[in-house]
Amino acid sequence: MSDPTRTVRLCHLYPAQMNIYADRGNIAVLRRRLEWRGLAIAITDVGPGDSLDPGEHDLYYLGGGQDRDQALVADDLARTKGAALRSAIEDGAAMLAVCGGYQLAGHGYQAVDGSVMPGIGVLDVETAAGDTRLIGDVLLMASLDGTTREVAGFENHAGRTRLGAGATPFGRVIAGHGNNGADGTEGAVHHRAIGTYLHGPLLPKNPWVADTVLGWALAHRTGGDVALAPLDDALENAARAVAAGRARGERSERLIGRRA
């Protein structure tokens, strides 16, 4: 009989509505990095109207969506799932929320016309729409569990997000705009929940982030810290180097070189 503690239980929130920034690529990375280590993942898709039991999952994923899709799911998320998600995160489950998902993981999003989409308050952040979009490659020095590393991604958002006292920045911006283009922060972290504007997708070129999230999920599953076996991340690190070079304004050819 297989050991159930070797299976991460992932809840993919609104996969049909919030999935425009290669979010399935992030899910694929989580799956493969577990499989390469002889571990497994059980994915449950949860959509509008579905309820949540806060003890049933180890990791929650909420991706990005068009403004209209975000508006469609915001009320359902807050009304039918918000309390369970807050409880799950306080109990040690992990969460990765990207772009529009990041905004809804906060207290809410105020549109240009003044209307407000409710958030779930997992992260102590507030977001309001700006007059322009913040678009481009981003490079961060990100910190998780006391470790700081370079993280690269792409952003495309009109939201200006401000952190409250209960949130820690995911990273400090080296290049790009970040949360609001002004204070040098990007994303937010609370317990084992990460919110970020970085997509494209985020995890294929940032395996350290993927493994941190998986380690958190496995710790929730097993009740203790889990040491993940190292993998050969040469390709992933090369992809991040190219993305980091773009963010710095360097030419990709100088980073990856020429192959015979």
C-alpha atoms as a PDB file:
ATOM      1  CA  MET A   1       0.000   0.000   0.000  1.00  0.00           C
ATOM      2  CA  SER A   2       1.393   3.420  -0.950  1.00  0.00           C
ATOM      3  CA  ASP A   3       2.267   5.930   1.753  1.00  0.00           C
ATOM      4  CA  PRO A   4      -0.294   8.770   1.601  1.00  0.00           C
ATOM      5  CA  THR A   5       2.155  11.184   3.241  1.00  0.00           C
ATOM      6  CA  ARG A   6       4.264  11.021   0.053  1.00  0.00           C
ATOM      7  CA  THR A   7       1.454  12.675  -1.911  1.00  0.00           C
ATOM      8  CA  VAL A   8       0.978  16.449  -1.916  1.00  0.00           C
ATOM      9  CA  ARG A   9      -2.704  17.396  -2.048  1.00  0.00           C
ATOM     10  CA  LEU A  10      -2.974  20.475  -4.262  1.00  0.00           C
ATOM     11  CA  CYS A  11      -6.135  22.528  -4.645  1.00  0.00           C
ATOM     12  CA  HIS A  12      -6.213  24.433  -7.945  1.00  0.00           C
ATOM     13  CA  LEU A  13      -8.661  27.290  -7.465  1.00  0.00           C
ATOM     14  CA  TYR A  14     -10.700  28.394 -10.494  1.00  0.00           C
ATOM     15  CA  PRO A  15      -8.535  26.717 -13.170  1.00  0.00           C
ATOM     16  CA  ALA A  16     -11.081  27.550 -15.896  1.00  0.00           C
ATOM     17  CA  GLN A  17     -11.388  31.223 -14.986  1.00  0.00           C
ATOM     18  CA  MET A  18      -7.980  32.193 -13.570  1.00  0.00           C
ATOM     19  CA  ASN A  19      -5.493  30.730 -16.020  1.00  0.00           C
ATOM     20  CA  ILE A  20      -4.123  33.270 -18.512  1.00  0.00           C
ATOM     21  CA  TYR A  21      -0.488  33.584 -17.439  1.00  0.00           C
ATOM     22  CA  ALA A  22       0.772  30.044 -18.077  1.00  0.00           C
ATOM     23  CA  ASP A  23      -0.559  28.943 -14.706  1.00  0.00           C
ATOM     24  CA  ARG A  24      -0.732  25.322 -15.817  1.00  0.00           C
ATOM     25  CA  GLY A  25       3.022  25.570 -16.394  1.00  0.00           C
ATOM     26  CA  ASN A  26       3.471  26.218 -12.685  1.00  0.00           C
ATOM     27  CA  ILE A  27       1.305  23.198 -11.864  1.00  0.00           C
ATOM     28  CA  ALA A  28       3.331  21.060 -14.285  1.00  0.00           C
ATOM     29  CA  VAL A  29       6.570  22.091 -12.579  1.00  0.00           C
ATOM     30  CA  LEU A  30       5.238  21.128  -9.154  1.00  0.00           C
ATOM     31  CA  ARG A  31       4.125  17.748 -10.493  1.00  0.00           C
ATOM     32  CA  ARG A  32       7.399  16.930 -12.237  1.00  0.00           C
ATOM     33  CA  ARG A  33       9.642  18.019  -9.367  1.00  0.00           C
ATOM     34  CA  LEU A  34       7.735  15.690  -7.069  1.00  0.00           C
ATOM     35  CA  GLU A  35       7.759  12.817  -9.564  1.00  0.00           C
ATOM     36  CA  TRP A  36      11.515  13.131 -10.112  1.00  0.00           C
ATOM     37  CA  ARG A  37      11.895  12.491  -6.385  1.00  0.00           C
ATOM     38  CA  GLY A  38       9.542   9.523  -6.273  1.00  0.00           C
ATOM     39  CA  LEU A  39       6.747  11.599  -4.748  1.00  0.00           C
ATOM     40  CA  ALA A  40       3.235  12.237  -6.051  1.00  0.00           C
ATOM     41  CA  ILE A  41       0.656  14.983  -6.348  1.00  0.00           C
ATOM     42  CA  ALA A  42      -3.131  14.789  -6.208  1.00  0.00           C
ATOM     43  CA  ILE A  43      -4.761  17.805  -7.851  1.00  0.00           C
ATOM     44  CA  THR A  44      -8.316  18.865  -7.085  1.00  0.00           C
ATOM     45  CA  ASP A  45      -9.889  21.532  -9.302  1.00  0.00           C
ATOM     46  CA  VAL A  46     -12.218  23.790  -7.323  1.00  0.00           C
ATOM     47  CA  GLY A  47     -14.507  26.253  -9.100  1.00  0.00           C
ATOM     48  CA  PRO A  48     -17.457  28.546  -8.520  1.00  0.00           C
ATOM     49  CA  GLY A  49     -19.919  27.254  -5.942  1.00  0.00           C
ATOM     50  CA  ASP A  50     -17.592  24.580  -4.591  1.00  0.00           C
ATOM     51  CA  SER A  51     -16.908  24.597  -0.866  1.00  0.00           C
ATOM     52  CA  LEU A  52     -13.590  23.873   0.835  1.00  0.00           C
ATOM     53  CA  ASP A  53     -12.594  21.815   3.836  1.00  0.00           C
ATOM     54  CA  PRO A  54      -9.496  23.574   5.259  1.00  0.00           C
ATOM     55  CA  GLY A  55      -7.927  20.273   6.278  1.00  0.00           C
ATOM     56  CA  GLU A  56      -8.135  18.514   2.907  1.00  0.00           C
ATOM     57  CA  HIS A  57      -5.254  20.191   1.052  1.00  0.00           C
ATOM     58  CA  ASP A  58      -1.583  20.954   1.622  1.00  0.00           C
ATOM     59  CA  LEU A  59      -1.120  23.542  -1.134  1.00  0.00           C
ATOM     60  CA  TYR A  60      -3.478  26.042  -2.761  1.00  0.00           C
ATOM     61  CA  TYR A  61      -2.856  27.622  -6.155  1.00  0.00           C
ATOM     62  CA  LEU A  62      -4.711  30.691  -7.452  1.00  0.00           C
ATOM     63  CA  GLY A  63      -3.633  32.053 -10.819  1.00  0.00           C
ATOM     64  CA  GLY A  64      -4.301  35.162 -12.850  1.00  0.00           C
ATOM     65  CA  GLY A  65      -7.270  36.106 -14.979  1.00  0.00           C
ATOM     66  CA  GLN A  66      -8.724  38.826 -17.114  1.00  0.00           C
ATOM     67  CA  ASP A  67     -10.431  41.619 -15.157  1.00  0.00           C
ATOM     68  CA  ARG A  68     -13.873  40.252 -16.035  1.00  0.00           C
ATOM     69  CA  ASP A  69     -12.918  36.735 -14.912  1.00  0.00           C
ATOM     70  CA  GLN A  70     -11.437  38.102 -11.705  1.00  0.00           C
ATOM     71  CA  ALA A  71     -14.662  39.997 -11.043  1.00  0.00           C
ATOM     72  CA  LEU A  72     -16.700  36.836 -11.652  1.00  0.00           C
ATOM     73  CA  VAL A  73     -14.814  34.744  -9.100  1.00  0.00           C
ATOM     74  CA  ALA A  74     -14.081  37.393  -6.427  1.00  0.00           C
ATOM     75  CA  ASP A  75     -17.433  37.223  -4.656  1.00  0.00           C
ATOM     76  CA  ASP A  76     -17.561  33.417  -4.822  1.00  0.00           C
ATOM     77  CA  LEU A  77     -14.011  33.158  -3.483  1.00  0.00           C
ATOM     78  CA  ALA A  78     -14.735  35.458  -0.555  1.00  0.00           C
ATOM     79  CA  ARG A  79     -18.161  34.017   0.227  1.00  0.00           C
ATOM     80  CA  THR A  80     -17.662  30.263  -0.183  1.00  0.00           C
ATOM     81  CA  LYS A  81     -13.946  29.741   0.350  1.00  0.00           C
ATOM     82  CA  GLY A  82     -12.426  32.703   2.190  1.00  0.00           C
ATOM     83  CA  ALA A  83     -12.864  31.461   5.760  1.00  0.00           C
ATOM     84  CA  ALA A  84     -11.581  27.984   4.889  1.00  0.00           C
ATOM     85  CA  LEU A  85      -8.512  29.380   3.135  1.00  0.00           C
ATOM     86  CA  ARG A  86      -7.656  31.677   6.033  1.00  0.00           C
ATOM     87  CA  SER A  87      -8.000  28.737   8.407  1.00  0.00           C
ATOM     88  CA  ALA A  88      -5.862  26.481   6.206  1.00  0.00           C
ATOM     89  CA  ILE A  89      -3.018  28.996   5.965  1.00  0.00           C
ATOM     90  CA  GLU A  90      -3.063  29.647   9.702  1.00  0.00           C
ATOM     91  CA  ASP A  91      -2.879  25.860  10.177  1.00  0.00           C
ATOM     92  CA  GLY A  92       0.283  25.576   8.071  1.00  0.00           C
ATOM     93  CA  ALA A  93      -0.910  24.875   4.532  1.00  0.00           C
ATOM     94  CA  ALA A  94       0.948  26.560   1.670  1.00  0.00           C
ATOM     95  CA  MET A  95      -0.415  28.892  -0.988  1.00  0.00           C
ATOM     96  CA  LEU A  96       0.899  30.425  -4.199  1.00  0.00           C
ATOM     97  CA  ALA A  97      -1.226  33.246  -5.633  1.00  0.00           C
ATOM     98  CA  VAL A  98      -0.137  34.888  -8.890  1.00  0.00           C
ATOM     99  CA  CYS A  99      -1.124  38.290 -10.341  1.00  0.00           C
ATOM    100  CA  GLY A 100      -4.927  38.540 -10.133  1.00  0.00           C
ATOM    101  CA  GLY A 101      -4.866  35.710  -7.620  1.00  0.00           C
ATOM    102  CA  TYR A 102      -2.418  37.719  -5.533  1.00  0.00           C
ATOM    103  CA  GLN A 103      -4.774  40.688  -5.535  1.00  0.00           C
ATOM    104  CA  LEU A 104      -7.726  38.543  -4.434  1.00  0.00           C
ATOM    105  CA  ALA A 105      -5.612  36.887  -1.721  1.00  0.00           C
ATOM    106  CA  GLY A 106      -5.390  40.343  -0.139  1.00  0.00           C
ATOM    107  CA  HIS A 107      -8.184  42.466   1.288  1.00  0.00           C
ATOM    108  CA  GLY A 108      -9.578  43.480  -2.094  1.00  0.00           C
ATOM    109  CA  TYR A 109      -9.101  45.323  -5.378  1.00  0.00           C
ATOM    110  CA  GLN A 110     -10.490  48.772  -6.105  1.00  0.00           C
ATOM    111  CA  ALA A 111     -11.104  49.436  -9.794  1.00  0.00           C
ATOM    112  CA  VAL A 112     -10.704  52.785 -11.547  1.00  0.00           C
ATOM    113  CA  ASP A 113     -14.457  53.402 -11.294  1.00  0.00           C
ATOM    114  CA  GLY A 114     -14.324  52.956  -7.519  1.00  0.00           C
ATOM    115  CA  SER A 115     -15.972  49.535  -7.418  1.00  0.00           C
ATOM    116  CA  VAL A 116     -14.341  46.995  -5.129  1.00  0.00           C
ATOM    117  CA  MET A 117     -13.777  43.280  -5.617  1.00  0.00           C
ATOM    118  CA  PRO A 118     -13.648  41.567  -2.219  1.00  0.00           C
ATOM    119  CA  GLY A 119     -10.532  39.677  -1.197  1.00  0.00           C
ATOM    120  CA  ILE A 120     -10.052  36.891   1.317  1.00  0.00           C
ATOM    121  CA  GLY A 121      -7.489  38.535   3.606  1.00  0.00           C
ATOM    122  CA  VAL A 122      -4.947  35.722   3.568  1.00  0.00           C
ATOM    123  CA  LEU A 123      -2.373  38.418   2.808  1.00  0.00           C
ATOM    124  CA  ASP A 124      -2.371  41.839   4.470  1.00  0.00           C
ATOM    125  CA  VAL A 125      -2.314  43.831   1.225  1.00  0.00           C
ATOM    126  CA  GLU A 126      -4.597  46.346  -0.469  1.00  0.00           C
ATOM    127  CA  THR A 127      -4.729  46.931  -4.219  1.00  0.00           C
ATOM    128  CA  ALA A 128      -6.125  49.796  -6.278  1.00  0.00           C
ATOM    129  CA  ALA A 129      -6.017  50.210 -10.039  1.00  0.00           C
ATOM    130  CA  GLY A 130      -3.553  52.716 -11.459  1.00  0.00           C
ATOM    131  CA  ASP A 131      -3.802  54.831 -14.600  1.00  0.00           C
ATOM    132  CA  THR A 132      -1.197  52.778 -16.480  1.00  0.00           C
ATOM    133  CA  ARG A 133      -0.089  49.161 -16.607  1.00  0.00           C
ATOM    134  CA  LEU A 134       3.230  48.044 -15.149  1.00  0.00           C
ATOM    135  CA  ILE A 135       4.712  45.704 -17.744  1.00  0.00           C
ATOM    136  CA  GLY A 136       8.080  44.077 -18.272  1.00  0.00           C
ATOM    137  CA  ASP A 137      10.762  41.747 -16.988  1.00  0.00           C
ATOM    138  CA  VAL A 138      11.375  41.774 -13.247  1.00  0.00           C
ATOM    139  CA  LEU A 139      14.379  40.780 -11.163  1.00  0.00           C
ATOM    140  CA  LEU A 140      14.196  40.411  -7.382  1.00  0.00           C
ATOM    141  CA  MET A 141      16.224  39.459  -4.398  1.00  0.00           C
ATOM    142  CA  ALA A 142      13.581  37.285  -2.754  1.00  0.00           C
ATOM    143  CA  SER A 143      13.621  35.912   0.775  1.00  0.00           C
ATOM    144  CA  LEU A 144      11.904  32.766   2.059  1.00  0.00           C
ATOM    145  CA  ASP A 145      12.617  30.921   5.314  1.00  0.00           C
ATOM    146  CA  GLY A 146      15.694  33.037   5.963  1.00  0.00           C
ATOM    147  CA  THR A 147      17.255  32.340   2.561  1.00  0.00           C
ATOM    148  CA  THR A 148      17.654  35.081  -0.050  1.00  0.00           C
ATOM    149  CA  ARG A 149      18.076  34.346  -3.754  1.00  0.00           C
ATOM    150  CA  GLU A 150      17.628  35.951  -7.134  1.00  0.00           C
ATOM    151  CA  VAL A 151      14.197  35.435  -8.707  1.00  0.00           C
ATOM    152  CA  ALA A 152      13.218  36.466 -12.243  1.00  0.00           C
ATOM    153  CA  GLY A 153       9.834  36.789 -13.924  1.00  0.00           C
ATOM    154  CA  PHE A 154       7.505  38.963 -15.957  1.00  0.00           C
ATOM    155  CA  GLU A 155       4.798  41.364 -14.779  1.00  0.00           C
ATOM    156  CA  ASN A 156       1.748  42.873 -16.480  1.00  0.00           C
ATOM    157  CA  HIS A 157      -0.688  44.544 -14.088  1.00  0.00           C
ATOM    158  CA  ALA A 158      -2.568  47.775 -13.537  1.00  0.00           C
ATOM    159  CA  GLY A 159      -2.882  47.204  -9.801  1.00  0.00           C
ATOM    160  CA  ARG A 160      -0.879  49.168  -7.264  1.00  0.00           C
ATOM    161  CA  THR A 161      -0.493  46.952  -4.217  1.00  0.00           C
ATOM    162  CA  ARG A 162       0.505  48.222  -0.779  1.00  0.00           C
ATOM    163  CA  LEU A 163       1.564  45.972   2.082  1.00  0.00           C
ATOM    164  CA  GLY A 164       0.125  46.212   5.560  1.00  0.00           C
ATOM    165  CA  ALA A 165       1.929  45.478   8.802  1.00  0.00           C
ATOM    166  CA  GLY A 166       1.003  41.790   8.634  1.00  0.00           C
ATOM    167  CA  ALA A 167       2.758  41.103   5.327  1.00  0.00           C
ATOM    168  CA  THR A 168       6.437  40.751   4.434  1.00  0.00           C
ATOM    169  CA  PRO A 169       7.608  41.493   0.866  1.00  0.00           C
ATOM    170  CA  PHE A 170       8.360  38.429  -1.239  1.00  0.00           C
ATOM    171  CA  GLY A 171      11.340  40.349  -2.585  1.00  0.00           C
ATOM    172  CA  ARG A 172      13.110  43.637  -3.185  1.00  0.00           C
ATOM    173  CA  VAL A 173      13.103  44.900  -6.752  1.00  0.00           C
ATOM    174  CA  ILE A 174      16.431  45.036  -8.585  1.00  0.00           C
ATOM    175  CA  ALA A 175      14.835  45.737 -11.968  1.00  0.00           C
ATOM    176  CA  GLY A 176      11.197  46.203 -12.923  1.00  0.00           C
ATOM    177  CA  HIS A 177       8.214  47.737 -11.166  1.00  0.00           C
ATOM    178  CA  GLY A 178       7.046  45.315  -8.460  1.00  0.00           C
ATOM    179  CA  ASN A 179       4.011  45.920  -6.277  1.00  0.00           C
ATOM    180  CA  ASN A 180       3.417  49.546  -7.173  1.00  0.00           C
ATOM    181  CA  GLY A 181       6.406  50.947  -9.044  1.00  0.00           C
ATOM    182  CA  ALA A 182       7.329  53.168  -6.118  1.00  0.00           C
ATOM    183  CA  ASP A 183       8.382  51.432  -2.891  1.00  0.00           C
ATOM    184  CA  GLY A 184      10.740  48.762  -4.287  1.00  0.00           C
ATOM    185  CA  THR A 185       8.769  45.791  -2.974  1.00  0.00           C
ATOM    186  CA  GLU A 186       7.365  42.833  -4.901  1.00  0.00           C
ATOM    187  CA  GLY A 187       4.789  40.371  -3.689  1.00  0.00           C
ATOM    188  CA  ALA A 188       3.917  39.468  -0.136  1.00  0.00           C
ATOM    189  CA  VAL A 189       4.418  36.551   2.232  1.00  0.00           C
ATOM    190  CA  HIS A 190       2.467  35.489   5.307  1.00  0.00           C
ATOM    191  CA  HIS A 191       3.265  32.175   6.992  1.00  0.00           C
ATOM    192  CA  ARG A 192       3.474  29.752   4.025  1.00  0.00           C
ATOM    193  CA  ALA A 193       1.424  31.880   1.612  1.00  0.00           C
ATOM    194  CA  ILE A 194       3.135  33.733  -1.231  1.00  0.00           C
ATOM    195  CA  GLY A 195       1.508  36.345  -3.432  1.00  0.00           C
ATOM    196  CA  THR A 196       3.396  37.721  -6.432  1.00  0.00           C
ATOM    197  CA  TYR A 197       2.904  39.527  -9.729  1.00  0.00           C
ATOM    198  CA  LEU A 198       5.598  37.390 -11.386  1.00  0.00           C
ATOM    199  CA  HIS A 199       4.298  35.076 -14.076  1.00  0.00           C
ATOM    200  CA  GLY A 200       5.336  33.804 -17.464  1.00  0.00           C
ATOM    201  CA  PRO A 201       5.210  31.236 -15.630  1.00  0.00           C
ATOM    202  CA  LEU A 202       7.186  31.796 -12.418  1.00  0.00           C
ATOM    203  CA  LEU A 203       8.291  28.317 -11.330  1.00  0.00           C
ATOM    204  CA  PRO A 204      10.092  26.798 -14.361  1.00  0.00           C
ATOM    205  CA  LYS A 205      12.946  29.306 -14.104  1.00  0.00           C
ATOM    206  CA  ASN A 206      12.892  29.629 -10.322  1.00  0.00           C
ATOM    207  CA  PRO A 207      13.194  26.059  -8.976  1.00  0.00           C
ATOM    208  CA  TRP A 208      14.173  27.309  -5.516  1.00  0.00           C
ATOM    209  CA  VAL A 209      10.732  28.893  -5.163  1.00  0.00           C
ATOM    210  CA  ALA A 210       9.052  25.705  -6.422  1.00  0.00           C
ATOM    211  CA  ASP A 211      10.950  23.532  -3.953  1.00  0.00           C
ATOM    212  CA  THR A 212      10.302  25.904  -1.053  1.00  0.00           C
ATOM    213  CA  VAL A 213       6.564  25.726  -1.736  1.00  0.00           C
ATOM    214  CA  LEU A 214       6.721  21.931  -2.102  1.00  0.00           C
ATOM    215  CA  GLY A 215       8.697  21.628   1.129  1.00  0.00           C
ATOM    216  CA  TRP A 216       6.036  23.645   2.919  1.00  0.00           C
ATOM    217  CA  ALA A 217       3.284  21.471   1.473  1.00  0.00           C
ATOM    218  CA  LEU A 218       5.047  18.267   2.482  1.00  0.00           C
ATOM    219  CA  ALA A 219       5.659  19.636   5.976  1.00  0.00           C
ATOM    220  CA  HIS A 220       1.928  20.245   6.270  1.00  0.00           C
ATOM    221  CA  ARG A 221       1.217  16.741   4.957  1.00  0.00           C
ATOM    222  CA  THR A 222       3.636  14.952   7.273  1.00  0.00           C
ATOM    223  CA  GLY A 223       3.616  17.214  10.315  1.00  0.00           C
ATOM    224  CA  GLY A 224       7.397  17.677  10.184  1.00  0.00           C
ATOM    225  CA  ASP A 225      10.128  19.259   8.095  1.00  0.00           C
ATOM    226  CA  VAL A 226      10.934  17.423   4.860  1.00  0.00           C
ATOM    227  CA  ALA A 227      14.333  17.539   3.145  1.00  0.00           C
ATOM    228  CA  LEU A 228      13.884  17.347  -0.631  1.00  0.00           C
ATOM    229  CA  ALA A 229      16.546  15.509  -2.603  1.00  0.00           C
ATOM    230  CA  PRO A 230      18.521  17.902  -4.847  1.00  0.00           C
ATOM    231  CA  LEU A 231      17.852  17.942  -8.581  1.00  0.00           C
ATOM    232  CA  ASP A 232      19.973  18.977 -11.554  1.00  0.00           C
ATOM    233  CA  ASP A 233      18.627  22.477 -12.184  1.00  0.00           C
ATOM    234  CA  ALA A 234      21.185  23.569 -14.779  1.00  0.00           C
ATOM    235  CA  LEU A 235      18.560  24.184 -17.462  1.00  0.00           C
ATOM    236  CA  GLU A 236      16.232  26.013 -15.085  1.00  0.00           C
ATOM    237  CA  ASN A 237      19.067  28.191 -13.804  1.00  0.00           C
ATOM    238  CA  ALA A 238      20.131  29.034 -17.357  1.00  0.00           C
ATOM    239  CA  ALA A 239      16.558  30.121 -18.139  1.00  0.00           C
ATOM    240  CA  ARG A 240      16.556  32.342 -15.066  1.00  0.00           C
ATOM    241  CA  ALA A 241      19.901  33.858 -16.089  1.00  0.00           C
ATOM    242  CA  VAL A 242      18.450  34.818 -19.470  1.00  0.00           C
ATOM    243  CA  ALA A 243      15.361  36.336 -17.839  1.00  0.00           C
ATOM    244  CA  ALA A 244      17.527  38.189 -15.333  1.00  0.00           C
ATOM    245  CA  GLY A 245      19.658  39.527 -18.161  1.00  0.00           C
ATOM    246  CA  ARG A 246      16.592  40.813 -19.973  1.00  0.00           C
ATOM    247  CA  ALA A 247      15.470  42.580 -16.816  1.00  0.00           C
ATOM    248  CA  ARG A 248      18.893  44.221 -16.557  1.00  0.00           C
ATOM    249  CA  GLY A 249      18.790  45.183 -20.219  1.00  0.00           C
ATOM    250  CA  GLU A 250      21.455  42.693 -21.301  1.00  0.00           C
ATOM    251  CA  ARG A 251      21.373  40.774 -24.558  1.00  0.00           C
ATOM    252  CA  SER A 252      20.407  37.113 -24.172  1.00  0.00           C
ATOM    253  CA  GLU A 253      23.213  35.972 -26.502  1.00  0.00           C
ATOM    254  CA  ARG A 254      25.794  37.161 -24.022  1.00  0.00           C
ATOM    255  CA  LEU A 255      24.232  35.037 -21.304  1.00  0.00           C
ATOM    256  CA  ILE A 256      23.641  31.746 -23.069  1.00  0.00           C
ATOM    257  CA  GLY A 257      26.504  31.917 -25.575  1.00  0.00           C
ATOM    258  CA  ARG A 258      26.700  30.154 -28.904  1.00  0.00           C
ATOM    259  CA  ARG A 259      26.405  26.422 -29.318  1.00  0.00           C
ATOM    260  CA  ALA A 260      28.515  24.574 -31.859  1.00  0.00           C
END
